[in-house]
Amino acid sequence: MAPARRSYTRASEAERREDLILATLDCIAEVGIQGATVRQIANRAGVTAGLIRHYFTGKDQMLEAAYRAVMNGMTQTAIEAAREDEAPGARLRRFIIANLTPPVTDSRTLSLWAAFISHIQIDPSFAAIHRDNYLAFLREVETLLSAFFDERGTALSPKQCRSFAISLNALIDGLWLEGTLAADLFDEHELADAALASVEALLRLTPGELASEK
C-alpha cells in the first residue's frame, strides 16, 4: 500500500517535494518509466501539472530524484540497522542481514531498481547517481570492516579493506538479486545465513564467528 499523502495546504516545501517523488515511484512501479507521465504522476499525487513544474524542471529531473531516493533508501536502511551502540562484529552482522531482508528485499524495490538500471548506461545523470551511491555504500562497508578488524587486533591496510569491501558488496548484490527475483525458493533467513557464512570465508574468519555476534 502506498504511503498516505499529506494535505498540500499544510505540507512544507520539502514534504511536498517528497510526496511528488513518492508518487513518481508509485507510477514507475506500476507502469514503468515510459508509462509514468507527468500527468499520471500529478493525478497520483492529487496536484496539477503546474505545481509539479514548481518543484521539478521536467520528467527527467523527477526520475533522477526518484532514482536517488530508491538507492539512498536501500543504503540508509542497512546503515541504520548497524547501530553505533553495538560492538563492531554485531554492527557488521546487522548490516549484512539488513541488505538481505525486507524492506530492502521486496518485489517493489526490485521493480523500481530494474526500471532504473537500464538508464545508467545511456544517461550521465543516472550514472552519476549510481556512482555516488556505490561509493557511499563502499565507504560504509570499509568503515564497518576497519572497526571490526581493529577490535580483533588485526588492522587492515587501506588496500586490503577496499578489496574486502568490493568483494563483500558484490556478494550482497548477487544474493539480493536472487532473493528478490525468487523469494519463494528461500526460507526466511536462508539468504542472510548464506551471506554471513560467505563473508566469514571471504574475511578468513572462524566459521560461525559472525553468526554468533548478537
N, C-alpha and C. Protein backbone atom coordinates (compact mmCIF):
# COMPACT_ATOMS: atom_id res chain seq x y z
N MET A 1 0.85 -1.19 0.00
CA MET A 1 0.00 0.00 0.00
C MET A 1 0.88 1.24 0.00
N ALA A 2 0.55 2.20 -0.85
CA ALA A 2 1.33 3.43 -0.95
C ALA A 2 1.12 4.29 0.29
N PRO A 3 2.16 5.04 0.74
CA PRO A 3 2.01 5.91 1.89
C PRO A 3 0.93 6.95 1.66
N ALA A 4 0.22 7.33 2.72
CA ALA A 4 -0.82 8.35 2.61
C ALA A 4 -0.20 9.69 2.28
N ARG A 5 -0.84 10.40 1.38
CA ARG A 5 -0.32 11.71 1.01
C ARG A 5 -0.73 12.75 2.04
N ARG A 6 0.14 13.71 2.27
CA ARG A 6 -0.17 14.80 3.19
C ARG A 6 -1.08 15.83 2.54
N SER A 7 -1.78 16.58 3.35
CA SER A 7 -2.58 17.68 2.83
C SER A 7 -1.66 18.76 2.30
N TYR A 8 -1.88 19.17 1.05
CA TYR A 8 -0.99 20.15 0.44
C TYR A 8 -1.19 21.55 1.01
N THR A 9 -2.24 21.76 1.80
CA THR A 9 -2.41 23.06 2.44
C THR A 9 -1.54 23.18 3.68
N ARG A 10 -1.11 22.03 4.24
CA ARG A 10 -0.32 22.06 5.46
C ARG A 10 1.13 21.64 5.25
N ALA A 11 1.41 20.98 4.15
CA ALA A 11 2.74 20.41 3.94
C ALA A 11 3.76 21.51 3.66
N SER A 12 4.99 21.27 4.11
CA SER A 12 6.09 22.19 3.81
C SER A 12 6.58 21.95 2.39
N GLU A 13 7.46 22.83 1.92
CA GLU A 13 8.02 22.67 0.58
C GLU A 13 8.74 21.33 0.44
N ALA A 14 9.53 20.97 1.46
CA ALA A 14 10.27 19.71 1.41
C ALA A 14 9.32 18.52 1.41
N GLU A 15 8.24 18.59 2.20
CA GLU A 15 7.28 17.50 2.26
C GLU A 15 6.53 17.35 0.94
N ARG A 16 6.20 18.48 0.32
CA ARG A 16 5.51 18.41 -0.97
C ARG A 16 6.41 17.76 -2.03
N ARG A 17 7.67 18.12 -2.02
CA ARG A 17 8.60 17.53 -2.98
C ARG A 17 8.74 16.03 -2.72
N GLU A 18 8.81 15.64 -1.46
CA GLU A 18 8.91 14.22 -1.13
C GLU A 18 7.68 13.46 -1.59
N ASP A 19 6.49 14.04 -1.41
CA ASP A 19 5.27 13.39 -1.86
C ASP A 19 5.26 13.20 -3.37
N LEU A 20 5.78 14.17 -4.10
CA LEU A 20 5.83 14.05 -5.56
C LEU A 20 6.81 12.94 -5.97
N ILE A 21 7.90 12.80 -5.25
CA ILE A 21 8.84 11.72 -5.52
C ILE A 21 8.19 10.37 -5.25
N LEU A 22 7.44 10.27 -4.14
CA LEU A 22 6.73 9.03 -3.82
C LEU A 22 5.70 8.69 -4.89
N ALA A 23 4.99 9.71 -5.38
CA ALA A 23 4.01 9.48 -6.45
C ALA A 23 4.71 9.01 -7.72
N THR A 24 5.87 9.58 -8.01
CA THR A 24 6.65 9.16 -9.17
C THR A 24 7.04 7.69 -9.05
N LEU A 25 7.51 7.29 -7.87
CA LEU A 25 7.90 5.90 -7.64
C LEU A 25 6.70 4.97 -7.76
N ASP A 26 5.55 5.39 -7.24
CA ASP A 26 4.34 4.57 -7.35
C ASP A 26 4.00 4.30 -8.81
N CYS A 27 4.06 5.36 -9.62
CA CYS A 27 3.71 5.22 -11.04
C CYS A 27 4.72 4.34 -11.77
N ILE A 28 6.01 4.53 -11.48
CA ILE A 28 7.03 3.72 -12.13
C ILE A 28 6.87 2.25 -11.77
N ALA A 29 6.57 1.97 -10.49
CA ALA A 29 6.38 0.59 -10.05
C ALA A 29 5.22 -0.07 -10.76
N GLU A 30 4.21 0.72 -11.14
CA GLU A 30 3.01 0.16 -11.76
C GLU A 30 3.11 0.08 -13.28
N VAL A 31 3.67 1.12 -13.92
CA VAL A 31 3.63 1.17 -15.39
C VAL A 31 4.99 1.38 -16.04
N GLY A 32 6.06 1.42 -15.26
CA GLY A 32 7.39 1.60 -15.83
C GLY A 32 7.72 3.06 -16.07
N ILE A 33 8.97 3.32 -16.44
CA ILE A 33 9.43 4.69 -16.64
C ILE A 33 8.73 5.36 -17.81
N GLN A 34 8.59 4.63 -18.91
CA GLN A 34 7.97 5.25 -20.09
C GLN A 34 6.50 5.55 -19.84
N GLY A 35 5.83 4.69 -19.11
CA GLY A 35 4.41 4.90 -18.85
C GLY A 35 4.11 5.93 -17.80
N ALA A 36 5.09 6.26 -16.99
CA ALA A 36 4.88 7.23 -15.90
C ALA A 36 5.01 8.65 -16.44
N THR A 37 3.91 9.21 -16.91
CA THR A 37 3.91 10.57 -17.45
C THR A 37 3.74 11.58 -16.32
N VAL A 38 4.07 12.83 -16.62
CA VAL A 38 3.89 13.90 -15.64
C VAL A 38 2.43 14.02 -15.24
N ARG A 39 1.53 13.85 -16.21
CA ARG A 39 0.09 13.92 -15.91
C ARG A 39 -0.32 12.81 -14.95
N GLN A 40 0.18 11.58 -15.21
CA GLN A 40 -0.14 10.47 -14.32
C GLN A 40 0.37 10.71 -12.91
N ILE A 41 1.58 11.22 -12.83
CA ILE A 41 2.19 11.48 -11.53
C ILE A 41 1.41 12.56 -10.79
N ALA A 42 1.01 13.59 -11.50
CA ALA A 42 0.22 14.66 -10.89
C ALA A 42 -1.11 14.12 -10.37
N ASN A 43 -1.76 13.29 -11.17
CA ASN A 43 -3.03 12.69 -10.74
C ASN A 43 -2.83 11.82 -9.51
N ARG A 44 -1.74 11.07 -9.50
CA ARG A 44 -1.45 10.19 -8.37
C ARG A 44 -1.23 11.00 -7.09
N ALA A 45 -0.56 12.12 -7.24
CA ALA A 45 -0.26 12.96 -6.08
C ALA A 45 -1.42 13.88 -5.71
N GLY A 46 -2.42 13.97 -6.60
CA GLY A 46 -3.56 14.84 -6.34
C GLY A 46 -3.24 16.31 -6.51
N VAL A 47 -2.37 16.62 -7.48
CA VAL A 47 -1.98 18.01 -7.73
C VAL A 47 -2.08 18.29 -9.23
N THR A 48 -1.81 19.51 -9.60
CA THR A 48 -1.80 19.89 -11.01
C THR A 48 -0.39 19.73 -11.58
N ALA A 49 -0.32 19.58 -12.89
CA ALA A 49 0.98 19.50 -13.55
C ALA A 49 1.76 20.79 -13.33
N GLY A 50 1.05 21.89 -13.21
CA GLY A 50 1.69 23.17 -12.96
C GLY A 50 2.44 23.20 -11.64
N LEU A 51 1.86 22.58 -10.62
CA LEU A 51 2.53 22.54 -9.32
C LEU A 51 3.80 21.70 -9.40
N ILE A 52 3.76 20.61 -10.17
CA ILE A 52 4.96 19.79 -10.33
C ILE A 52 6.10 20.62 -10.91
N ARG A 53 5.77 21.50 -11.88
CA ARG A 53 6.82 22.31 -12.51
C ARG A 53 7.42 23.32 -11.53
N HIS A 54 6.74 23.55 -10.41
CA HIS A 54 7.30 24.42 -9.38
C HIS A 54 8.47 23.74 -8.67
N TYR A 55 8.46 22.40 -8.65
CA TYR A 55 9.49 21.65 -7.92
C TYR A 55 10.49 20.98 -8.85
N PHE A 56 10.09 20.67 -10.06
CA PHE A 56 10.96 19.97 -10.99
C PHE A 56 10.88 20.64 -12.36
N THR A 57 12.02 20.67 -13.07
CA THR A 57 12.04 21.29 -14.39
C THR A 57 11.34 20.42 -15.43
N GLY A 58 11.20 19.14 -15.14
CA GLY A 58 10.55 18.23 -16.08
C GLY A 58 10.62 16.81 -15.59
N LYS A 59 10.20 15.88 -16.43
CA LYS A 59 10.15 14.47 -16.05
C LYS A 59 11.54 13.92 -15.75
N ASP A 60 12.55 14.34 -16.53
CA ASP A 60 13.89 13.81 -16.31
C ASP A 60 14.38 14.11 -14.90
N GLN A 61 14.15 15.31 -14.45
CA GLN A 61 14.59 15.67 -13.10
C GLN A 61 13.81 14.90 -12.03
N MET A 62 12.54 14.65 -12.29
CA MET A 62 11.74 13.85 -11.36
C MET A 62 12.26 12.42 -11.29
N LEU A 63 12.61 11.86 -12.43
CA LEU A 63 13.14 10.50 -12.46
C LEU A 63 14.47 10.41 -11.73
N GLU A 64 15.31 11.40 -11.90
CA GLU A 64 16.59 11.42 -11.20
C GLU A 64 16.38 11.46 -9.69
N ALA A 65 15.47 12.30 -9.24
CA ALA A 65 15.18 12.40 -7.81
C ALA A 65 14.60 11.10 -7.28
N ALA A 66 13.77 10.45 -8.09
CA ALA A 66 13.16 9.18 -7.68
C ALA A 66 14.22 8.08 -7.59
N TYR A 67 15.12 8.02 -8.55
CA TYR A 67 16.18 7.01 -8.52
C TYR A 67 17.09 7.23 -7.31
N ARG A 68 17.43 8.48 -7.05
CA ARG A 68 18.26 8.80 -5.90
C ARG A 68 17.57 8.36 -4.61
N ALA A 69 16.27 8.57 -4.53
CA ALA A 69 15.51 8.19 -3.33
C ALA A 69 15.52 6.68 -3.12
N VAL A 70 15.38 5.91 -4.21
CA VAL A 70 15.40 4.45 -4.11
C VAL A 70 16.75 3.97 -3.60
N MET A 71 17.82 4.44 -4.23
CA MET A 71 19.15 3.98 -3.87
C MET A 71 19.55 4.42 -2.47
N ASN A 72 19.27 5.68 -2.15
CA ASN A 72 19.59 6.17 -0.80
C ASN A 72 18.79 5.42 0.26
N GLY A 73 17.54 5.10 -0.06
CA GLY A 73 16.70 4.40 0.89
C GLY A 73 17.23 3.02 1.21
N MET A 74 17.68 2.30 0.19
CA MET A 74 18.22 0.96 0.40
C MET A 74 19.49 1.03 1.26
N THR A 75 20.38 1.96 0.93
CA THR A 75 21.62 2.08 1.67
C THR A 75 21.37 2.52 3.10
N GLN A 76 20.48 3.51 3.27
CA GLN A 76 20.23 4.04 4.60
C GLN A 76 19.59 3.02 5.53
N THR A 77 18.74 2.16 4.98
CA THR A 77 18.11 1.12 5.79
C THR A 77 19.18 0.21 6.41
N ALA A 78 20.16 -0.17 5.61
CA ALA A 78 21.22 -1.05 6.11
C ALA A 78 22.12 -0.32 7.10
N ILE A 79 22.42 0.94 6.82
CA ILE A 79 23.27 1.71 7.72
C ILE A 79 22.61 1.88 9.09
N GLU A 80 21.32 2.18 9.09
CA GLU A 80 20.61 2.37 10.35
C GLU A 80 20.50 1.08 11.15
N ALA A 81 20.50 -0.06 10.45
CA ALA A 81 20.44 -1.35 11.14
C ALA A 81 21.72 -1.63 11.92
N ALA A 82 22.85 -1.09 11.43
CA ALA A 82 24.14 -1.29 12.10
C ALA A 82 24.28 -0.24 13.20
N ARG A 83 23.61 -0.44 14.30
CA ARG A 83 23.54 0.56 15.37
C ARG A 83 24.92 0.84 15.96
N GLU A 84 25.20 2.12 16.21
CA GLU A 84 26.51 2.53 16.67
C GLU A 84 26.78 2.15 18.12
N ASP A 85 25.76 1.76 18.87
CA ASP A 85 25.96 1.42 20.28
C ASP A 85 26.33 -0.05 20.46
N GLU A 86 26.56 -0.77 19.38
CA GLU A 86 26.89 -2.18 19.46
C GLU A 86 28.36 -2.41 19.11
N ALA A 87 28.83 -3.62 19.42
CA ALA A 87 30.20 -3.99 19.09
C ALA A 87 30.37 -4.07 17.57
N PRO A 88 31.59 -3.86 17.07
CA PRO A 88 31.81 -3.87 15.61
C PRO A 88 31.32 -5.13 14.91
N GLY A 89 31.50 -6.30 15.54
CA GLY A 89 31.06 -7.54 14.92
C GLY A 89 29.55 -7.59 14.77
N ALA A 90 28.84 -7.14 15.79
CA ALA A 90 27.38 -7.12 15.75
C ALA A 90 26.88 -6.13 14.71
N ARG A 91 27.57 -5.00 14.59
CA ARG A 91 27.18 -4.00 13.60
C ARG A 91 27.36 -4.54 12.18
N LEU A 92 28.47 -5.21 11.93
CA LEU A 92 28.72 -5.78 10.61
C LEU A 92 27.67 -6.84 10.30
N ARG A 93 27.36 -7.67 11.28
CA ARG A 93 26.35 -8.72 11.09
C ARG A 93 25.00 -8.12 10.75
N ARG A 94 24.57 -7.11 11.51
CA ARG A 94 23.27 -6.48 11.27
C ARG A 94 23.21 -5.81 9.89
N PHE A 95 24.32 -5.22 9.49
CA PHE A 95 24.39 -4.55 8.18
C PHE A 95 24.18 -5.56 7.06
N ILE A 96 24.85 -6.70 7.16
CA ILE A 96 24.72 -7.73 6.13
C ILE A 96 23.29 -8.25 6.08
N ILE A 97 22.72 -8.57 7.23
CA ILE A 97 21.36 -9.11 7.29
C ILE A 97 20.35 -8.11 6.74
N ALA A 98 20.51 -6.83 7.08
CA ALA A 98 19.56 -5.81 6.63
C ALA A 98 19.51 -5.70 5.11
N ASN A 99 20.64 -5.95 4.46
CA ASN A 99 20.69 -5.88 3.00
C ASN A 99 20.00 -7.06 2.32
N LEU A 100 19.67 -8.09 3.10
CA LEU A 100 19.10 -9.30 2.51
C LEU A 100 17.77 -9.69 3.13
N THR A 101 17.12 -8.73 3.74
CA THR A 101 15.79 -8.93 4.32
C THR A 101 14.92 -7.72 4.00
N PRO A 102 13.58 -7.87 4.09
CA PRO A 102 12.70 -6.73 3.84
C PRO A 102 13.02 -5.58 4.80
N PRO A 103 12.83 -4.32 4.37
CA PRO A 103 12.21 -3.90 3.11
C PRO A 103 13.17 -3.79 1.93
N VAL A 104 14.47 -4.06 2.15
CA VAL A 104 15.41 -3.97 1.03
C VAL A 104 15.12 -5.04 -0.01
N THR A 105 14.76 -6.23 0.45
CA THR A 105 14.41 -7.30 -0.48
C THR A 105 12.89 -7.43 -0.57
N ASP A 106 12.29 -6.72 -1.47
CA ASP A 106 10.86 -6.91 -1.75
C ASP A 106 10.62 -6.65 -3.22
N SER A 107 9.48 -7.07 -3.71
CA SER A 107 9.21 -7.03 -5.15
C SER A 107 9.14 -5.60 -5.67
N ARG A 108 8.64 -4.67 -4.87
CA ARG A 108 8.54 -3.28 -5.33
C ARG A 108 9.93 -2.68 -5.50
N THR A 109 10.81 -2.91 -4.55
CA THR A 109 12.17 -2.40 -4.67
C THR A 109 12.84 -2.96 -5.92
N LEU A 110 12.64 -4.24 -6.17
CA LEU A 110 13.22 -4.86 -7.36
C LEU A 110 12.68 -4.24 -8.64
N SER A 111 11.36 -4.04 -8.72
CA SER A 111 10.77 -3.49 -9.94
C SER A 111 11.27 -2.07 -10.20
N LEU A 112 11.45 -1.30 -9.14
CA LEU A 112 11.98 0.06 -9.30
C LEU A 112 13.44 0.02 -9.74
N TRP A 113 14.22 -0.83 -9.11
CA TRP A 113 15.63 -0.97 -9.48
C TRP A 113 15.76 -1.39 -10.94
N ALA A 114 14.96 -2.36 -11.35
CA ALA A 114 15.02 -2.85 -12.73
C ALA A 114 14.60 -1.77 -13.73
N ALA A 115 13.62 -0.95 -13.34
CA ALA A 115 13.17 0.12 -14.23
C ALA A 115 14.26 1.16 -14.44
N PHE A 116 15.02 1.44 -13.40
CA PHE A 116 16.03 2.49 -13.48
C PHE A 116 17.36 2.01 -14.06
N ILE A 117 17.70 0.75 -13.87
CA ILE A 117 19.05 0.28 -14.14
C ILE A 117 19.46 0.46 -15.61
N SER A 118 18.50 0.35 -16.51
CA SER A 118 18.84 0.48 -17.94
C SER A 118 19.26 1.89 -18.30
N HIS A 119 18.89 2.86 -17.48
CA HIS A 119 19.24 4.26 -17.77
C HIS A 119 20.69 4.59 -17.44
N ILE A 120 21.33 3.76 -16.63
CA ILE A 120 22.68 4.08 -16.17
C ILE A 120 23.67 4.18 -17.34
N GLN A 121 23.53 3.29 -18.32
CA GLN A 121 24.47 3.27 -19.44
C GLN A 121 24.20 4.34 -20.49
N ILE A 122 23.02 4.94 -20.46
CA ILE A 122 22.67 5.90 -21.51
C ILE A 122 22.46 7.32 -20.99
N ASP A 123 22.38 7.48 -19.67
CA ASP A 123 22.11 8.81 -19.10
C ASP A 123 23.20 9.14 -18.08
N PRO A 124 24.04 10.14 -18.36
CA PRO A 124 25.12 10.50 -17.44
C PRO A 124 24.63 10.89 -16.04
N SER A 125 23.44 11.47 -15.94
CA SER A 125 22.91 11.86 -14.63
C SER A 125 22.62 10.63 -13.78
N PHE A 126 22.03 9.62 -14.41
CA PHE A 126 21.77 8.37 -13.69
C PHE A 126 23.08 7.66 -13.33
N ALA A 127 24.04 7.71 -14.23
CA ALA A 127 25.34 7.09 -13.96
C ALA A 127 26.01 7.76 -12.77
N ALA A 128 25.87 9.07 -12.66
CA ALA A 128 26.47 9.80 -11.54
C ALA A 128 25.80 9.44 -10.22
N ILE A 129 24.47 9.30 -10.24
CA ILE A 129 23.74 8.90 -9.03
C ILE A 129 24.17 7.51 -8.60
N HIS A 130 24.27 6.60 -9.57
CA HIS A 130 24.69 5.23 -9.27
C HIS A 130 26.10 5.22 -8.68
N ARG A 131 26.99 5.98 -9.27
CA ARG A 131 28.37 6.04 -8.80
C ARG A 131 28.44 6.58 -7.37
N ASP A 132 27.72 7.67 -7.11
CA ASP A 132 27.73 8.27 -5.78
C ASP A 132 27.21 7.29 -4.73
N ASN A 133 26.14 6.57 -5.07
CA ASN A 133 25.57 5.62 -4.11
C ASN A 133 26.52 4.46 -3.88
N TYR A 134 27.12 3.96 -4.95
CA TYR A 134 28.06 2.84 -4.81
C TYR A 134 29.24 3.23 -3.92
N LEU A 135 29.78 4.43 -4.13
CA LEU A 135 30.92 4.87 -3.33
C LEU A 135 30.52 5.08 -1.87
N ALA A 136 29.31 5.58 -1.63
CA ALA A 136 28.84 5.77 -0.26
C ALA A 136 28.67 4.42 0.43
N PHE A 137 28.13 3.45 -0.29
CA PHE A 137 27.96 2.10 0.26
C PHE A 137 29.32 1.48 0.57
N LEU A 138 30.25 1.65 -0.36
CA LEU A 138 31.60 1.09 -0.18
C LEU A 138 32.28 1.71 1.04
N ARG A 139 32.13 3.02 1.21
CA ARG A 139 32.72 3.69 2.38
C ARG A 139 32.15 3.14 3.67
N GLU A 140 30.85 2.89 3.69
CA GLU A 140 30.22 2.34 4.90
C GLU A 140 30.75 0.94 5.19
N VAL A 141 30.89 0.12 4.17
CA VAL A 141 31.42 -1.23 4.37
C VAL A 141 32.86 -1.15 4.87
N GLU A 142 33.66 -0.27 4.29
CA GLU A 142 35.05 -0.12 4.72
C GLU A 142 35.12 0.31 6.19
N THR A 143 34.23 1.23 6.59
CA THR A 143 34.20 1.68 7.98
C THR A 143 33.88 0.53 8.93
N LEU A 144 32.87 -0.27 8.56
CA LEU A 144 32.49 -1.41 9.40
C LEU A 144 33.61 -2.45 9.47
N LEU A 145 34.23 -2.74 8.34
CA LEU A 145 35.31 -3.73 8.32
C LEU A 145 36.52 -3.25 9.11
N SER A 146 36.86 -1.99 8.95
CA SER A 146 38.01 -1.43 9.66
C SER A 146 37.82 -1.53 11.17
N ALA A 147 36.62 -1.16 11.65
CA ALA A 147 36.33 -1.24 13.08
C ALA A 147 36.36 -2.68 13.58
N PHE A 148 35.83 -3.59 12.77
CA PHE A 148 35.77 -5.00 13.14
C PHE A 148 37.18 -5.58 13.31
N PHE A 149 38.05 -5.33 12.34
CA PHE A 149 39.39 -5.89 12.41
C PHE A 149 40.26 -5.16 13.44
N ASP A 150 40.02 -3.87 13.65
CA ASP A 150 40.75 -3.15 14.69
C ASP A 150 40.46 -3.77 16.06
N GLU A 151 39.20 -4.10 16.30
CA GLU A 151 38.83 -4.69 17.59
C GLU A 151 39.51 -6.06 17.77
N ARG A 152 39.69 -6.78 16.68
CA ARG A 152 40.33 -8.10 16.75
C ARG A 152 41.85 -7.99 16.84
N GLY A 153 42.38 -6.79 16.72
CA GLY A 153 43.82 -6.61 16.79
C GLY A 153 44.55 -6.97 15.53
N THR A 154 43.83 -7.03 14.40
CA THR A 154 44.44 -7.36 13.11
C THR A 154 44.04 -6.30 12.08
N ALA A 155 44.55 -5.10 12.29
CA ALA A 155 44.15 -3.97 11.45
C ALA A 155 44.45 -4.24 9.98
N LEU A 156 43.51 -3.79 9.13
CA LEU A 156 43.67 -3.95 7.69
C LEU A 156 44.39 -2.74 7.10
N SER A 157 45.15 -2.97 6.05
CA SER A 157 45.68 -1.85 5.28
C SER A 157 44.54 -1.27 4.45
N PRO A 158 44.65 -0.01 4.03
CA PRO A 158 43.59 0.57 3.19
C PRO A 158 43.31 -0.26 1.94
N LYS A 159 44.36 -0.83 1.34
CA LYS A 159 44.18 -1.65 0.14
C LYS A 159 43.40 -2.92 0.45
N GLN A 160 43.76 -3.59 1.56
CA GLN A 160 43.03 -4.79 1.97
C GLN A 160 41.57 -4.49 2.28
N CYS A 161 41.36 -3.40 2.99
CA CYS A 161 39.99 -3.03 3.38
C CYS A 161 39.14 -2.76 2.15
N ARG A 162 39.68 -2.04 1.18
CA ARG A 162 38.94 -1.74 -0.05
C ARG A 162 38.64 -3.02 -0.82
N SER A 163 39.61 -3.91 -0.90
CA SER A 163 39.41 -5.16 -1.62
C SER A 163 38.30 -5.99 -0.98
N PHE A 164 38.33 -6.10 0.34
CA PHE A 164 37.28 -6.84 1.05
C PHE A 164 35.91 -6.18 0.84
N ALA A 165 35.89 -4.86 0.89
CA ALA A 165 34.62 -4.14 0.75
C ALA A 165 34.01 -4.35 -0.63
N ILE A 166 34.84 -4.30 -1.66
CA ILE A 166 34.35 -4.52 -3.02
C ILE A 166 33.77 -5.93 -3.16
N SER A 167 34.47 -6.91 -2.63
CA SER A 167 34.01 -8.30 -2.72
C SER A 167 32.74 -8.52 -1.90
N LEU A 168 32.69 -7.94 -0.71
CA LEU A 168 31.51 -8.09 0.13
C LEU A 168 30.29 -7.45 -0.53
N ASN A 169 30.48 -6.30 -1.15
CA ASN A 169 29.39 -5.63 -1.85
C ASN A 169 28.87 -6.50 -2.99
N ALA A 170 29.78 -7.08 -3.76
CA ALA A 170 29.37 -7.93 -4.88
C ALA A 170 28.62 -9.16 -4.39
N LEU A 171 29.04 -9.71 -3.27
CA LEU A 171 28.39 -10.88 -2.70
C LEU A 171 26.95 -10.53 -2.29
N ILE A 172 26.80 -9.42 -1.60
CA ILE A 172 25.47 -8.97 -1.18
C ILE A 172 24.58 -8.70 -2.38
N ASP A 173 25.14 -8.03 -3.40
CA ASP A 173 24.35 -7.72 -4.61
C ASP A 173 23.79 -8.99 -5.25
N GLY A 174 24.65 -10.01 -5.37
CA GLY A 174 24.22 -11.24 -6.01
C GLY A 174 23.12 -11.95 -5.24
N LEU A 175 23.28 -12.03 -3.92
CA LEU A 175 22.27 -12.69 -3.10
C LEU A 175 20.98 -11.86 -3.05
N TRP A 176 21.13 -10.53 -3.04
CA TRP A 176 19.94 -9.66 -3.05
C TRP A 176 19.11 -9.91 -4.32
N LEU A 177 19.80 -9.99 -5.45
CA LEU A 177 19.09 -10.20 -6.71
C LEU A 177 18.38 -11.55 -6.71
N GLU A 178 19.05 -12.58 -6.24
CA GLU A 178 18.43 -13.90 -6.17
C GLU A 178 17.21 -13.88 -5.24
N GLY A 179 17.39 -13.24 -4.09
CA GLY A 179 16.32 -13.23 -3.10
C GLY A 179 15.09 -12.45 -3.53
N THR A 180 15.27 -11.41 -4.32
CA THR A 180 14.12 -10.63 -4.76
C THR A 180 13.47 -11.20 -6.02
N LEU A 181 14.26 -11.87 -6.84
CA LEU A 181 13.70 -12.46 -8.05
C LEU A 181 12.93 -13.75 -7.77
N ALA A 182 13.41 -14.50 -6.77
CA ALA A 182 12.80 -15.81 -6.49
C ALA A 182 12.68 -16.01 -4.99
N ALA A 183 11.98 -15.10 -4.33
CA ALA A 183 11.88 -15.13 -2.87
C ALA A 183 11.26 -16.43 -2.35
N ASP A 184 10.36 -17.02 -3.14
CA ASP A 184 9.66 -18.23 -2.69
C ASP A 184 10.56 -19.46 -2.62
N LEU A 185 11.76 -19.37 -3.17
CA LEU A 185 12.67 -20.51 -3.17
C LEU A 185 13.50 -20.59 -1.89
N PHE A 186 13.44 -19.55 -1.06
CA PHE A 186 14.33 -19.50 0.11
C PHE A 186 13.54 -19.37 1.40
N ASP A 187 14.06 -20.03 2.45
CA ASP A 187 13.49 -19.86 3.78
C ASP A 187 13.74 -18.44 4.26
N GLU A 188 13.07 -18.06 5.33
CA GLU A 188 13.10 -16.67 5.81
C GLU A 188 14.52 -16.14 6.04
N HIS A 189 15.38 -16.94 6.65
CA HIS A 189 16.73 -16.48 7.00
C HIS A 189 17.82 -17.13 6.15
N GLU A 190 17.43 -17.87 5.12
CA GLU A 190 18.40 -18.66 4.37
C GLU A 190 19.45 -17.81 3.67
N LEU A 191 19.02 -16.75 2.99
CA LEU A 191 19.97 -15.91 2.27
C LEU A 191 20.90 -15.16 3.22
N ALA A 192 20.33 -14.64 4.31
CA ALA A 192 21.16 -13.92 5.28
C ALA A 192 22.19 -14.86 5.90
N ASP A 193 21.77 -16.08 6.23
CA ASP A 193 22.71 -17.06 6.80
C ASP A 193 23.80 -17.42 5.79
N ALA A 194 23.40 -17.57 4.53
CA ALA A 194 24.38 -17.88 3.49
C ALA A 194 25.37 -16.73 3.33
N ALA A 195 24.86 -15.51 3.42
CA ALA A 195 25.73 -14.34 3.30
C ALA A 195 26.74 -14.28 4.44
N LEU A 196 26.28 -14.53 5.66
CA LEU A 196 27.18 -14.50 6.82
C LEU A 196 28.28 -15.55 6.67
N ALA A 197 27.90 -16.77 6.25
CA ALA A 197 28.89 -17.83 6.07
C ALA A 197 29.88 -17.47 4.96
N SER A 198 29.38 -16.86 3.89
CA SER A 198 30.25 -16.48 2.77
C SER A 198 31.20 -15.35 3.16
N VAL A 199 30.68 -14.39 3.93
CA VAL A 199 31.53 -13.28 4.39
C VAL A 199 32.60 -13.79 5.34
N GLU A 200 32.25 -14.74 6.20
CA GLU A 200 33.26 -15.35 7.08
C GLU A 200 34.38 -15.98 6.28
N ALA A 201 34.02 -16.69 5.21
CA ALA A 201 35.04 -17.31 4.35
C ALA A 201 35.86 -16.23 3.64
N LEU A 202 35.19 -15.19 3.16
CA LEU A 202 35.88 -14.10 2.47
C LEU A 202 36.89 -13.42 3.37
N LEU A 203 36.50 -13.18 4.62
CA LEU A 203 37.36 -12.46 5.56
C LEU A 203 38.31 -13.38 6.33
N ARG A 204 38.25 -14.67 6.00
CA ARG A 204 39.10 -15.68 6.64
C ARG A 204 38.86 -15.73 8.15
N LEU A 205 37.59 -15.75 8.52
CA LEU A 205 37.20 -15.84 9.93
C LEU A 205 36.88 -17.28 10.29
N THR A 206 36.77 -17.53 11.57
CA THR A 206 36.35 -18.84 12.04
C THR A 206 34.89 -19.06 11.66
N PRO A 207 34.53 -20.21 11.09
CA PRO A 207 33.13 -20.46 10.74
C PRO A 207 32.22 -20.24 11.94
N GLY A 208 31.15 -19.47 11.73
CA GLY A 208 30.21 -19.18 12.79
C GLY A 208 30.55 -17.94 13.59
N GLU A 209 31.69 -17.30 13.30
CA GLU A 209 32.10 -16.14 14.10
C GLU A 209 31.15 -14.97 13.97
N LEU A 210 30.74 -14.65 12.75
CA LEU A 210 29.79 -13.55 12.56
C LEU A 210 28.38 -13.95 13.00
N ALA A 211 28.03 -15.19 12.74
CA ALA A 211 26.70 -15.66 13.09
C ALA A 211 26.46 -15.61 14.59
N SER A 212 27.54 -15.73 15.38
CA SER A 212 27.41 -15.73 16.83
C SER A 212 27.32 -14.33 17.41
N GLU A 213 27.61 -13.31 16.61
CA GLU A 213 27.53 -11.93 17.07
C GLU A 213 26.08 -11.52 17.26
N LYS A 214 25.72 -11.03 18.41
CA LYS A 214 24.34 -10.60 18.68
C LYS A 214 24.30 -9.13 19.08
